[in-house]
Amino acid sequence: MKKVSILLLVLIMVSATILGCSSNTGNGDTEKTVTAGFIYVGPVNDGGYTTAHDNGRKYMEEKLGTKVKTIYKENVPEDKGEVVKAIREMVDQGATIIFATSFGHMDGVMEAAKEFPEVKFAHCSGYQTAENVTNYFGRMYQARYLSGIVAGMKTQSNKIAYVAAFPIPEVIRGINAFTLGAKSVNPEVQVLVRWTNTWYDPASEKAAAEALLAEGCDVTAQHQDSTATMVAAEEAGAFSIGYNTNASKAVPKAYLTAPLWNWGIYYVKAVQEVIDGTWTNTPYWGGMDEEIVGLDTLTALAPEGAQAKVDEAQKKIISKEWDVFTGPIKNQTGEVVVKEGDKMLDQDMLSFDWFVEGVVGTIPASN
């Protein structure tokens, strides 16, 4: 009897242990940990674009905790072979979803997706998809418009410099939105564009900004990855609209505000879908209403009355009462391209190849 009692007690203890383990997730399943890989075009300390993506990675880790493990590689050039190599290394480390963060990574992602059909890929700002490939971006043009309001009210010369990376729809769309915002409060303003044909090259960015400042611009804006444009503005005694991250400490005498990314909003969403088994290749293009994009706090250098104008426009955008590319909109030659009351379709915004009225510059033919 004593042996039977001991045996019964052991069985009860084992059963309790099993039940306790099986109730950890509430549904009898062991919690799944996903390894997510990030491919960066620049260094994580660039103070701009790549820093913003890496902040998004950290945000995701904070929100998902032990459900996710992340790995990343910096300075991966926009070369198919280099991208495929980086992806292979990440798959070897267990990555089951990989985020490629630069437009020029697209060809490498599409190539690697064929080699690793079991891995999910998300490519930033691209347009190609496959069964295991999606693309993602945010409606940054909304925040660009708001920043244009600030710049348009700040300029005294009515000339604003815009240092731009590559002549692709993403960049053209941003220039146009910024210009429309500036002209909404200052119809006389001109936005002078200079191309660098690079995402991250502080020397080229600064040289382009200096050339525009020498032409009489007193405010700068940028679609570049570093703070070099803003540094040039501060050194010239001008003011600047940044991009990607807050640069008030880097250029305290020039920084007005900046369109900001919170990439973590999308990263949390995508990885949680992988965990839940609900991930699809449907492209993502969220706006200010989802908080993936927004305008940084205006500094004390911002012009009087700018906050009220920004708040007014932001309210209309978030409520979807109105959006940036709503007519009438004219092109550089003064021709009405979007009629009054009409709103540009996403497919048209995603294929922008013309400048709005007020932009001074040309769009080189793409290679």
Protein backbone atom coordinates (compact mmCIF):
# COMPACT_ATOMS: atom_id res chain seq x y z
CA MET A 1 0.00 0.00 0.00
CA LYS A 2 2.83 2.33 0.82
CA LYS A 3 4.46 1.68 -2.58
CA VAL A 4 1.13 2.30 -4.33
CA SER A 5 0.66 5.60 -2.47
CA ILE A 6 4.14 6.77 -3.42
CA LEU A 7 3.53 5.80 -7.07
CA LEU A 8 0.21 7.65 -7.06
CA LEU A 9 1.87 10.77 -5.60
CA VAL A 10 4.57 10.72 -8.30
CA LEU A 11 1.93 10.41 -11.03
CA ILE A 12 0.01 13.37 -9.59
CA MET A 13 3.16 15.51 -9.47
CA VAL A 14 4.13 14.64 -13.08
CA SER A 15 0.61 15.39 -14.29
CA ALA A 16 0.62 18.75 -12.54
CA THR A 17 3.96 19.62 -14.12
CA ILE A 18 2.69 18.71 -17.60
CA LEU A 19 -0.48 20.72 -17.12
CA GLY A 20 1.51 23.68 -15.83
CA CYS A 21 3.81 23.63 -18.86
CA SER A 22 0.97 23.31 -21.33
CA SER A 23 -0.80 26.34 -19.91
CA ASN A 24 2.09 28.77 -20.47
CA THR A 25 0.62 30.13 -23.70
CA GLY A 26 -3.00 29.59 -22.77
CA ASN A 27 -3.67 27.39 -25.82
CA GLY A 28 -1.37 24.42 -25.31
CA ASP A 29 1.20 25.63 -27.92
CA THR A 30 4.81 26.47 -27.24
CA GLU A 31 5.48 30.16 -27.87
CA LYS A 32 7.18 30.69 -31.22
CA THR A 33 10.32 32.82 -31.53
CA VAL A 34 10.88 34.39 -34.94
CA THR A 35 14.32 35.45 -36.15
CA ALA A 36 14.05 38.62 -38.23
CA GLY A 37 16.88 39.92 -40.38
CA PHE A 38 17.50 43.54 -41.40
CA ILE A 39 19.60 44.64 -44.36
CA TYR A 40 20.76 48.25 -44.10
CA VAL A 41 22.18 50.38 -46.92
CA GLY A 42 24.16 52.58 -44.50
CA PRO A 43 25.59 52.54 -40.99
CA VAL A 44 23.23 52.41 -37.99
CA ASN A 45 24.79 55.63 -36.68
CA ASP A 46 24.18 57.71 -39.83
CA GLY A 47 21.85 59.93 -37.80
CA GLY A 48 19.20 59.60 -40.49
CA TYR A 49 17.60 56.90 -42.62
CA THR A 50 19.37 53.79 -41.34
CA THR A 51 19.25 55.04 -37.77
CA ALA A 52 15.48 55.36 -38.17
CA HIS A 53 15.19 51.77 -39.40
CA ASP A 54 17.37 50.50 -36.58
CA ASN A 55 15.24 52.41 -34.10
CA GLY A 56 12.28 50.58 -35.62
CA ARG A 57 14.04 47.25 -35.09
CA LYS A 58 14.63 48.09 -31.44
CA TYR A 59 11.02 49.25 -31.06
CA MET A 60 9.88 45.88 -32.37
CA GLU A 61 12.12 44.03 -29.93
CA GLU A 62 10.68 46.07 -27.09
CA LYS A 63 7.09 45.39 -28.13
CA LEU A 64 7.42 41.68 -28.98
CA GLY A 65 9.96 40.68 -26.34
CA THR A 66 10.99 37.03 -26.40
CA LYS A 67 8.78 36.35 -29.41
CA VAL A 68 11.44 37.82 -31.70
CA LYS A 69 15.19 37.72 -32.17
CA THR A 70 16.82 40.15 -34.61
CA ILE A 71 20.00 40.24 -36.65
CA TYR A 72 21.20 42.97 -39.01
CA LYS A 73 23.94 43.89 -41.47
CA GLU A 74 25.06 47.45 -42.15
CA ASN A 75 26.40 49.04 -45.34
CA VAL A 76 24.99 46.52 -47.79
CA PRO A 77 25.35 48.20 -51.20
CA GLU A 78 22.58 48.27 -53.79
CA ASP A 79 24.16 45.41 -55.69
CA LYS A 80 22.29 42.18 -56.42
CA GLY A 81 25.18 39.91 -55.53
CA GLU A 82 25.90 41.66 -52.25
CA VAL A 83 22.25 41.58 -51.24
CA VAL A 84 21.91 37.87 -52.02
CA LYS A 85 25.10 37.18 -50.05
CA ALA A 86 23.75 39.05 -47.02
CA ILE A 87 20.45 37.17 -47.23
CA ARG A 88 22.18 33.79 -47.39
CA GLU A 89 24.13 34.65 -44.25
CA MET A 90 20.93 35.59 -42.44
CA VAL A 91 19.10 32.45 -43.51
CA ASP A 92 22.05 30.43 -42.20
CA GLN A 93 21.50 32.21 -38.86
CA GLY A 94 17.87 31.14 -38.80
CA ALA A 95 16.08 34.18 -40.23
CA THR A 96 12.56 33.38 -41.43
CA ILE A 97 11.61 36.96 -42.35
CA ILE A 98 14.04 39.48 -43.81
CA PHE A 99 13.55 43.23 -44.24
CA ALA A 100 15.60 44.92 -46.97
CA THR A 101 15.52 48.65 -46.33
CA SER A 102 16.69 50.38 -49.52
CA PHE A 103 15.12 50.76 -52.97
CA GLY A 104 18.17 49.34 -54.76
CA HIS A 105 18.06 46.11 -52.73
CA MET A 106 15.02 45.00 -54.74
CA ASP A 107 16.70 42.89 -57.42
CA GLY A 108 18.73 40.99 -54.85
CA VAL A 109 15.63 40.31 -52.76
CA MET A 110 13.70 38.97 -55.75
CA GLU A 111 16.62 36.69 -56.66
CA ALA A 112 17.04 35.35 -53.11
CA ALA A 113 13.30 34.82 -52.73
CA LYS A 114 13.47 32.15 -55.43
CA GLU A 115 16.34 30.42 -53.63
CA PHE A 116 14.57 30.51 -50.25
CA PRO A 117 10.81 30.04 -50.86
CA GLU A 118 10.26 29.21 -47.19
CA VAL A 119 11.57 32.63 -46.07
CA LYS A 120 9.39 35.74 -46.12
CA PHE A 121 10.79 38.99 -47.48
CA ALA A 122 9.67 42.60 -47.08
CA HIS A 123 11.33 45.21 -49.29
CA CYS A 124 11.16 48.90 -48.42
CA SER A 125 9.93 51.35 -51.09
CA GLY A 126 10.00 48.87 -53.95
CA TYR A 127 7.24 47.68 -56.25
CA GLN A 128 7.91 44.02 -57.06
CA THR A 129 6.23 41.17 -55.19
CA ALA A 130 6.23 37.38 -55.24
CA GLU A 131 4.46 34.71 -53.23
CA ASN A 132 6.97 35.21 -50.40
CA VAL A 133 7.84 38.88 -51.10
CA THR A 134 5.96 42.02 -50.17
CA ASN A 135 6.94 45.67 -50.13
CA TYR A 136 6.31 48.37 -47.56
CA PHE A 137 6.51 52.12 -47.19
CA GLY A 138 4.69 54.97 -45.50
CA ARG A 139 2.86 58.00 -46.85
CA MET A 140 5.79 60.24 -46.05
CA TYR A 141 4.46 62.77 -48.52
CA GLN A 142 1.90 63.74 -45.85
CA ALA A 143 4.60 64.74 -43.36
CA ARG A 144 6.62 66.32 -46.17
CA TYR A 145 3.68 68.62 -46.90
CA LEU A 146 3.55 69.71 -43.27
CA SER A 147 7.28 70.42 -43.22
CA GLY A 148 6.83 72.48 -46.39
CA ILE A 149 4.40 74.71 -44.51
CA VAL A 150 7.09 75.47 -41.92
CA ALA A 151 9.73 76.14 -44.58
CA GLY A 152 7.40 78.30 -46.64
CA MET A 153 6.64 80.51 -43.67
CA LYS A 154 10.30 80.70 -42.59
CA THR A 155 12.01 81.71 -45.83
CA GLN A 156 12.74 85.40 -46.42
CA SER A 157 14.31 84.99 -49.87
CA ASN A 158 11.46 82.77 -51.11
CA LYS A 159 14.10 80.28 -52.23
CA ILE A 160 14.29 76.89 -50.53
CA ALA A 161 17.04 74.37 -51.25
CA TYR A 162 16.13 70.70 -51.66
CA VAL A 163 19.00 68.19 -51.75
CA ALA A 164 17.65 65.02 -53.35
CA ALA A 165 19.02 61.51 -53.73
CA PHE A 166 17.79 59.74 -56.88
CA PRO A 167 15.15 60.77 -59.48
CA ILE A 168 12.70 57.99 -58.59
CA PRO A 169 8.97 58.35 -57.81
CA GLU A 170 9.51 58.17 -54.04
CA VAL A 171 11.83 61.19 -54.06
CA ILE A 172 9.89 63.15 -56.69
CA ARG A 173 6.69 62.60 -54.71
CA GLY A 174 8.33 64.03 -51.60
CA ILE A 175 9.65 67.10 -53.41
CA ASN A 176 6.21 67.77 -54.86
CA ALA A 177 4.44 67.38 -51.52
CA PHE A 178 6.95 69.64 -49.79
CA THR A 179 6.52 72.28 -52.50
CA LEU A 180 2.73 72.16 -52.30
CA GLY A 181 2.94 72.65 -48.54
CA ALA A 182 5.30 75.61 -48.90
CA LYS A 183 3.17 77.25 -51.60
CA SER A 184 -0.01 76.79 -49.54
CA VAL A 185 1.30 79.47 -47.16
CA ASN A 186 3.65 81.33 -49.50
CA PRO A 187 2.60 81.37 -53.18
CA GLU A 188 5.84 83.11 -54.21
CA VAL A 189 8.16 80.40 -52.95
CA GLN A 190 10.46 78.39 -55.19
CA VAL A 191 12.04 75.04 -54.34
CA LEU A 192 15.44 74.56 -55.99
CA VAL A 193 16.44 70.91 -56.45
CA ARG A 194 19.94 69.47 -56.68
CA TRP A 195 20.51 65.71 -57.25
CA THR A 196 23.36 63.77 -55.62
CA ASN A 197 22.62 60.30 -57.04
CA THR A 198 23.46 58.74 -53.72
CA TRP A 199 21.53 57.94 -50.56
CA TYR A 200 24.39 58.34 -48.13
CA ASP A 201 27.40 60.45 -48.99
CA PRO A 202 27.80 63.31 -46.53
CA ALA A 203 30.42 65.08 -48.67
CA SER A 204 28.20 65.13 -51.77
CA GLU A 205 25.15 66.12 -49.75
CA LYS A 206 26.95 69.02 -48.13
CA ALA A 207 28.41 70.23 -51.44
CA ALA A 208 24.95 70.21 -53.06
CA ALA A 209 23.48 72.16 -50.15
CA GLU A 210 26.31 74.70 -50.23
CA ALA A 211 25.77 75.29 -53.95
CA LEU A 212 22.05 75.96 -53.42
CA LEU A 213 22.69 78.22 -50.45
CA ALA A 214 25.07 80.20 -52.65
CA GLU A 215 22.17 80.74 -55.06
CA GLY A 216 20.23 82.59 -52.38
CA CYS A 217 18.34 79.83 -50.57
CA ASP A 218 17.89 80.53 -46.87
CA VAL A 219 16.14 77.28 -45.86
CA THR A 220 17.17 73.75 -46.82
CA ALA A 221 15.28 70.48 -47.05
CA GLN A 222 16.48 67.03 -48.00
CA HIS A 223 15.83 63.49 -49.12
CA GLN A 224 19.20 62.19 -47.95
CA ASP A 225 20.38 59.91 -45.20
CA SER A 226 22.82 62.10 -43.26
CA THR A 227 22.76 65.46 -41.46
CA ALA A 228 25.23 67.03 -43.92
CA THR A 229 22.62 69.24 -45.61
CA MET A 230 21.61 70.67 -42.24
CA VAL A 231 25.23 71.21 -41.24
CA ALA A 232 25.75 73.25 -44.41
CA ALA A 233 22.69 75.34 -43.57
CA GLU A 234 23.87 76.03 -40.02
CA GLU A 235 27.34 77.01 -41.20
CA ALA A 236 25.77 79.45 -43.68
CA GLY A 237 23.48 80.99 -41.06
CA ALA A 238 20.42 79.48 -42.75
CA PHE A 239 17.70 77.18 -41.43
CA SER A 240 16.87 73.59 -42.21
CA ILE A 241 14.17 70.95 -42.43
CA GLY A 242 15.63 67.54 -41.62
CA TYR A 243 14.54 64.00 -42.40
CA ASN A 244 14.22 60.62 -40.67
CA THR A 245 15.28 61.54 -37.12
CA ASN A 246 15.40 64.54 -34.78
CA ALA A 247 18.57 66.57 -35.42
CA SER A 248 18.06 69.38 -32.93
CA LYS A 249 21.21 68.43 -31.02
CA ALA A 250 23.33 68.07 -34.15
CA VAL A 251 22.37 71.45 -35.63
CA PRO A 252 20.68 73.48 -32.86
CA LYS A 253 21.03 76.81 -34.68
CA ALA A 254 19.38 75.59 -37.90
CA TYR A 255 16.92 72.79 -37.16
CA LEU A 256 13.24 73.69 -37.56
CA THR A 257 11.56 70.26 -37.70
CA ALA A 258 11.61 67.09 -39.81
CA PRO A 259 9.35 64.46 -41.34
CA LEU A 260 9.95 61.39 -39.17
CA TRP A 261 9.60 57.63 -39.58
CA ASN A 262 8.45 55.14 -36.99
CA TRP A 263 9.29 51.99 -38.93
CA GLY A 264 8.62 49.95 -35.81
CA ILE A 265 4.88 50.25 -36.43
CA TYR A 266 5.24 48.11 -39.54
CA TYR A 267 7.90 45.78 -38.15
CA VAL A 268 5.74 44.81 -35.18
CA LYS A 269 2.78 44.22 -37.50
CA ALA A 270 4.72 42.06 -39.98
CA VAL A 271 6.50 39.85 -37.43
CA GLN A 272 3.34 39.37 -35.37
CA GLU A 273 1.63 38.15 -38.54
CA VAL A 274 4.45 35.64 -39.07
CA ILE A 275 3.98 34.42 -35.49
CA ASP A 276 0.22 34.16 -35.96
CA GLY A 277 0.51 32.49 -39.36
CA THR A 278 -1.46 35.31 -41.05
CA TRP A 279 1.36 36.96 -43.05
CA THR A 280 0.54 37.76 -46.68
CA ASN A 281 2.39 39.49 -49.51
CA THR A 282 -0.07 42.41 -49.58
CA PRO A 283 1.95 45.66 -49.90
CA TYR A 284 1.80 48.14 -47.02
CA TRP A 285 1.51 51.93 -47.38
CA GLY A 286 0.42 53.42 -44.09
CA GLY A 287 -0.06 57.09 -43.33
CA MET A 288 -0.07 59.56 -40.47
CA ASP A 289 -3.26 58.02 -39.14
CA GLU A 290 -1.25 54.84 -38.39
CA GLU A 291 1.66 56.86 -36.94
CA ILE A 292 4.30 55.27 -39.18
CA VAL A 293 5.04 58.81 -40.42
CA GLY A 294 4.68 62.19 -38.75
CA LEU A 295 6.21 65.60 -38.23
CA ASP A 296 8.71 66.22 -35.47
CA THR A 297 8.02 68.83 -32.79
CA LEU A 298 8.66 72.34 -34.10
CA THR A 299 11.64 74.01 -32.45
CA ALA A 300 11.76 77.55 -31.12
CA LEU A 301 13.30 78.57 -34.47
CA ALA A 302 10.09 77.78 -36.33
CA PRO A 303 8.14 80.82 -37.57
CA GLU A 304 5.29 82.30 -35.55
CA GLY A 305 1.94 80.81 -36.52
CA ALA A 306 3.45 77.73 -38.15
CA GLN A 307 2.15 75.32 -35.51
CA ALA A 308 -1.45 76.42 -36.08
CA LYS A 309 -1.12 75.97 -39.85
CA VAL A 310 0.48 72.55 -39.39
CA ASP A 311 -2.21 71.43 -36.95
CA GLU A 312 -4.96 72.53 -39.33
CA ALA A 313 -3.55 70.57 -42.28
CA GLN A 314 -2.63 67.55 -40.17
CA LYS A 315 -6.18 67.26 -38.84
CA LYS A 316 -7.60 67.16 -42.35
CA ILE A 317 -5.08 64.55 -43.48
CA ILE A 318 -5.52 62.21 -40.50
CA SER A 319 -9.32 62.41 -40.71
CA LYS A 320 -9.02 61.67 -44.46
CA GLU A 321 -11.16 64.71 -45.12
CA TRP A 322 -8.42 65.80 -47.54
CA ASP A 323 -5.05 64.59 -48.77
CA VAL A 324 -1.99 66.30 -50.18
CA PHE A 325 -2.39 65.52 -53.86
CA THR A 326 -5.93 66.87 -54.24
CA GLY A 327 -6.54 69.23 -57.16
CA PRO A 328 -6.16 71.70 -58.55
CA ILE A 329 -2.48 70.88 -59.07
CA LYS A 330 -0.35 72.39 -61.85
CA ASN A 331 2.91 71.09 -63.26
CA GLN A 332 6.04 73.18 -63.84
CA THR A 333 4.66 74.65 -67.08
CA GLY A 334 1.46 75.82 -65.41
CA GLU A 335 -0.73 73.12 -66.91
CA VAL A 336 -3.47 71.74 -64.64
CA VAL A 337 -2.67 68.05 -64.22
CA VAL A 338 -5.05 67.27 -61.35
CA LYS A 339 -8.42 68.96 -61.66
CA GLU A 340 -10.05 70.78 -58.77
CA GLY A 341 -11.61 68.32 -56.34
CA ASP A 342 -9.91 65.29 -57.91
CA LYS A 343 -7.53 63.22 -55.82
CA MET A 344 -4.55 61.41 -57.29
CA LEU A 345 -4.78 57.63 -57.16
CA ASP A 346 -2.12 55.66 -55.32
CA GLN A 347 -0.84 54.15 -58.57
CA ASP A 348 -0.28 57.65 -59.96
CA MET A 349 1.51 58.84 -56.82
CA LEU A 350 3.67 55.72 -56.89
CA SER A 351 4.79 56.48 -60.45
CA PHE A 352 5.42 60.25 -60.18
CA ASP A 353 7.67 61.46 -63.01
CA TRP A 354 6.86 65.19 -63.11
CA PHE A 355 7.31 68.23 -60.88
CA VAL A 356 4.59 70.53 -59.58
CA GLU A 357 4.56 74.26 -60.16
CA GLY A 358 7.12 75.99 -57.96
CA VAL A 359 9.89 73.41 -58.33
CA VAL A 360 13.03 74.67 -60.06
CA GLY A 361 14.98 71.80 -61.55
CA THR A 362 14.74 68.90 -63.97
CA ILE A 363 14.22 65.17 -63.62
CA PRO A 364 17.07 63.24 -65.27
CA ALA A 365 16.21 60.12 -67.19
CA SER A 366 16.48 57.00 -65.01
CA ASN A 367 19.20 54.52 -65.88
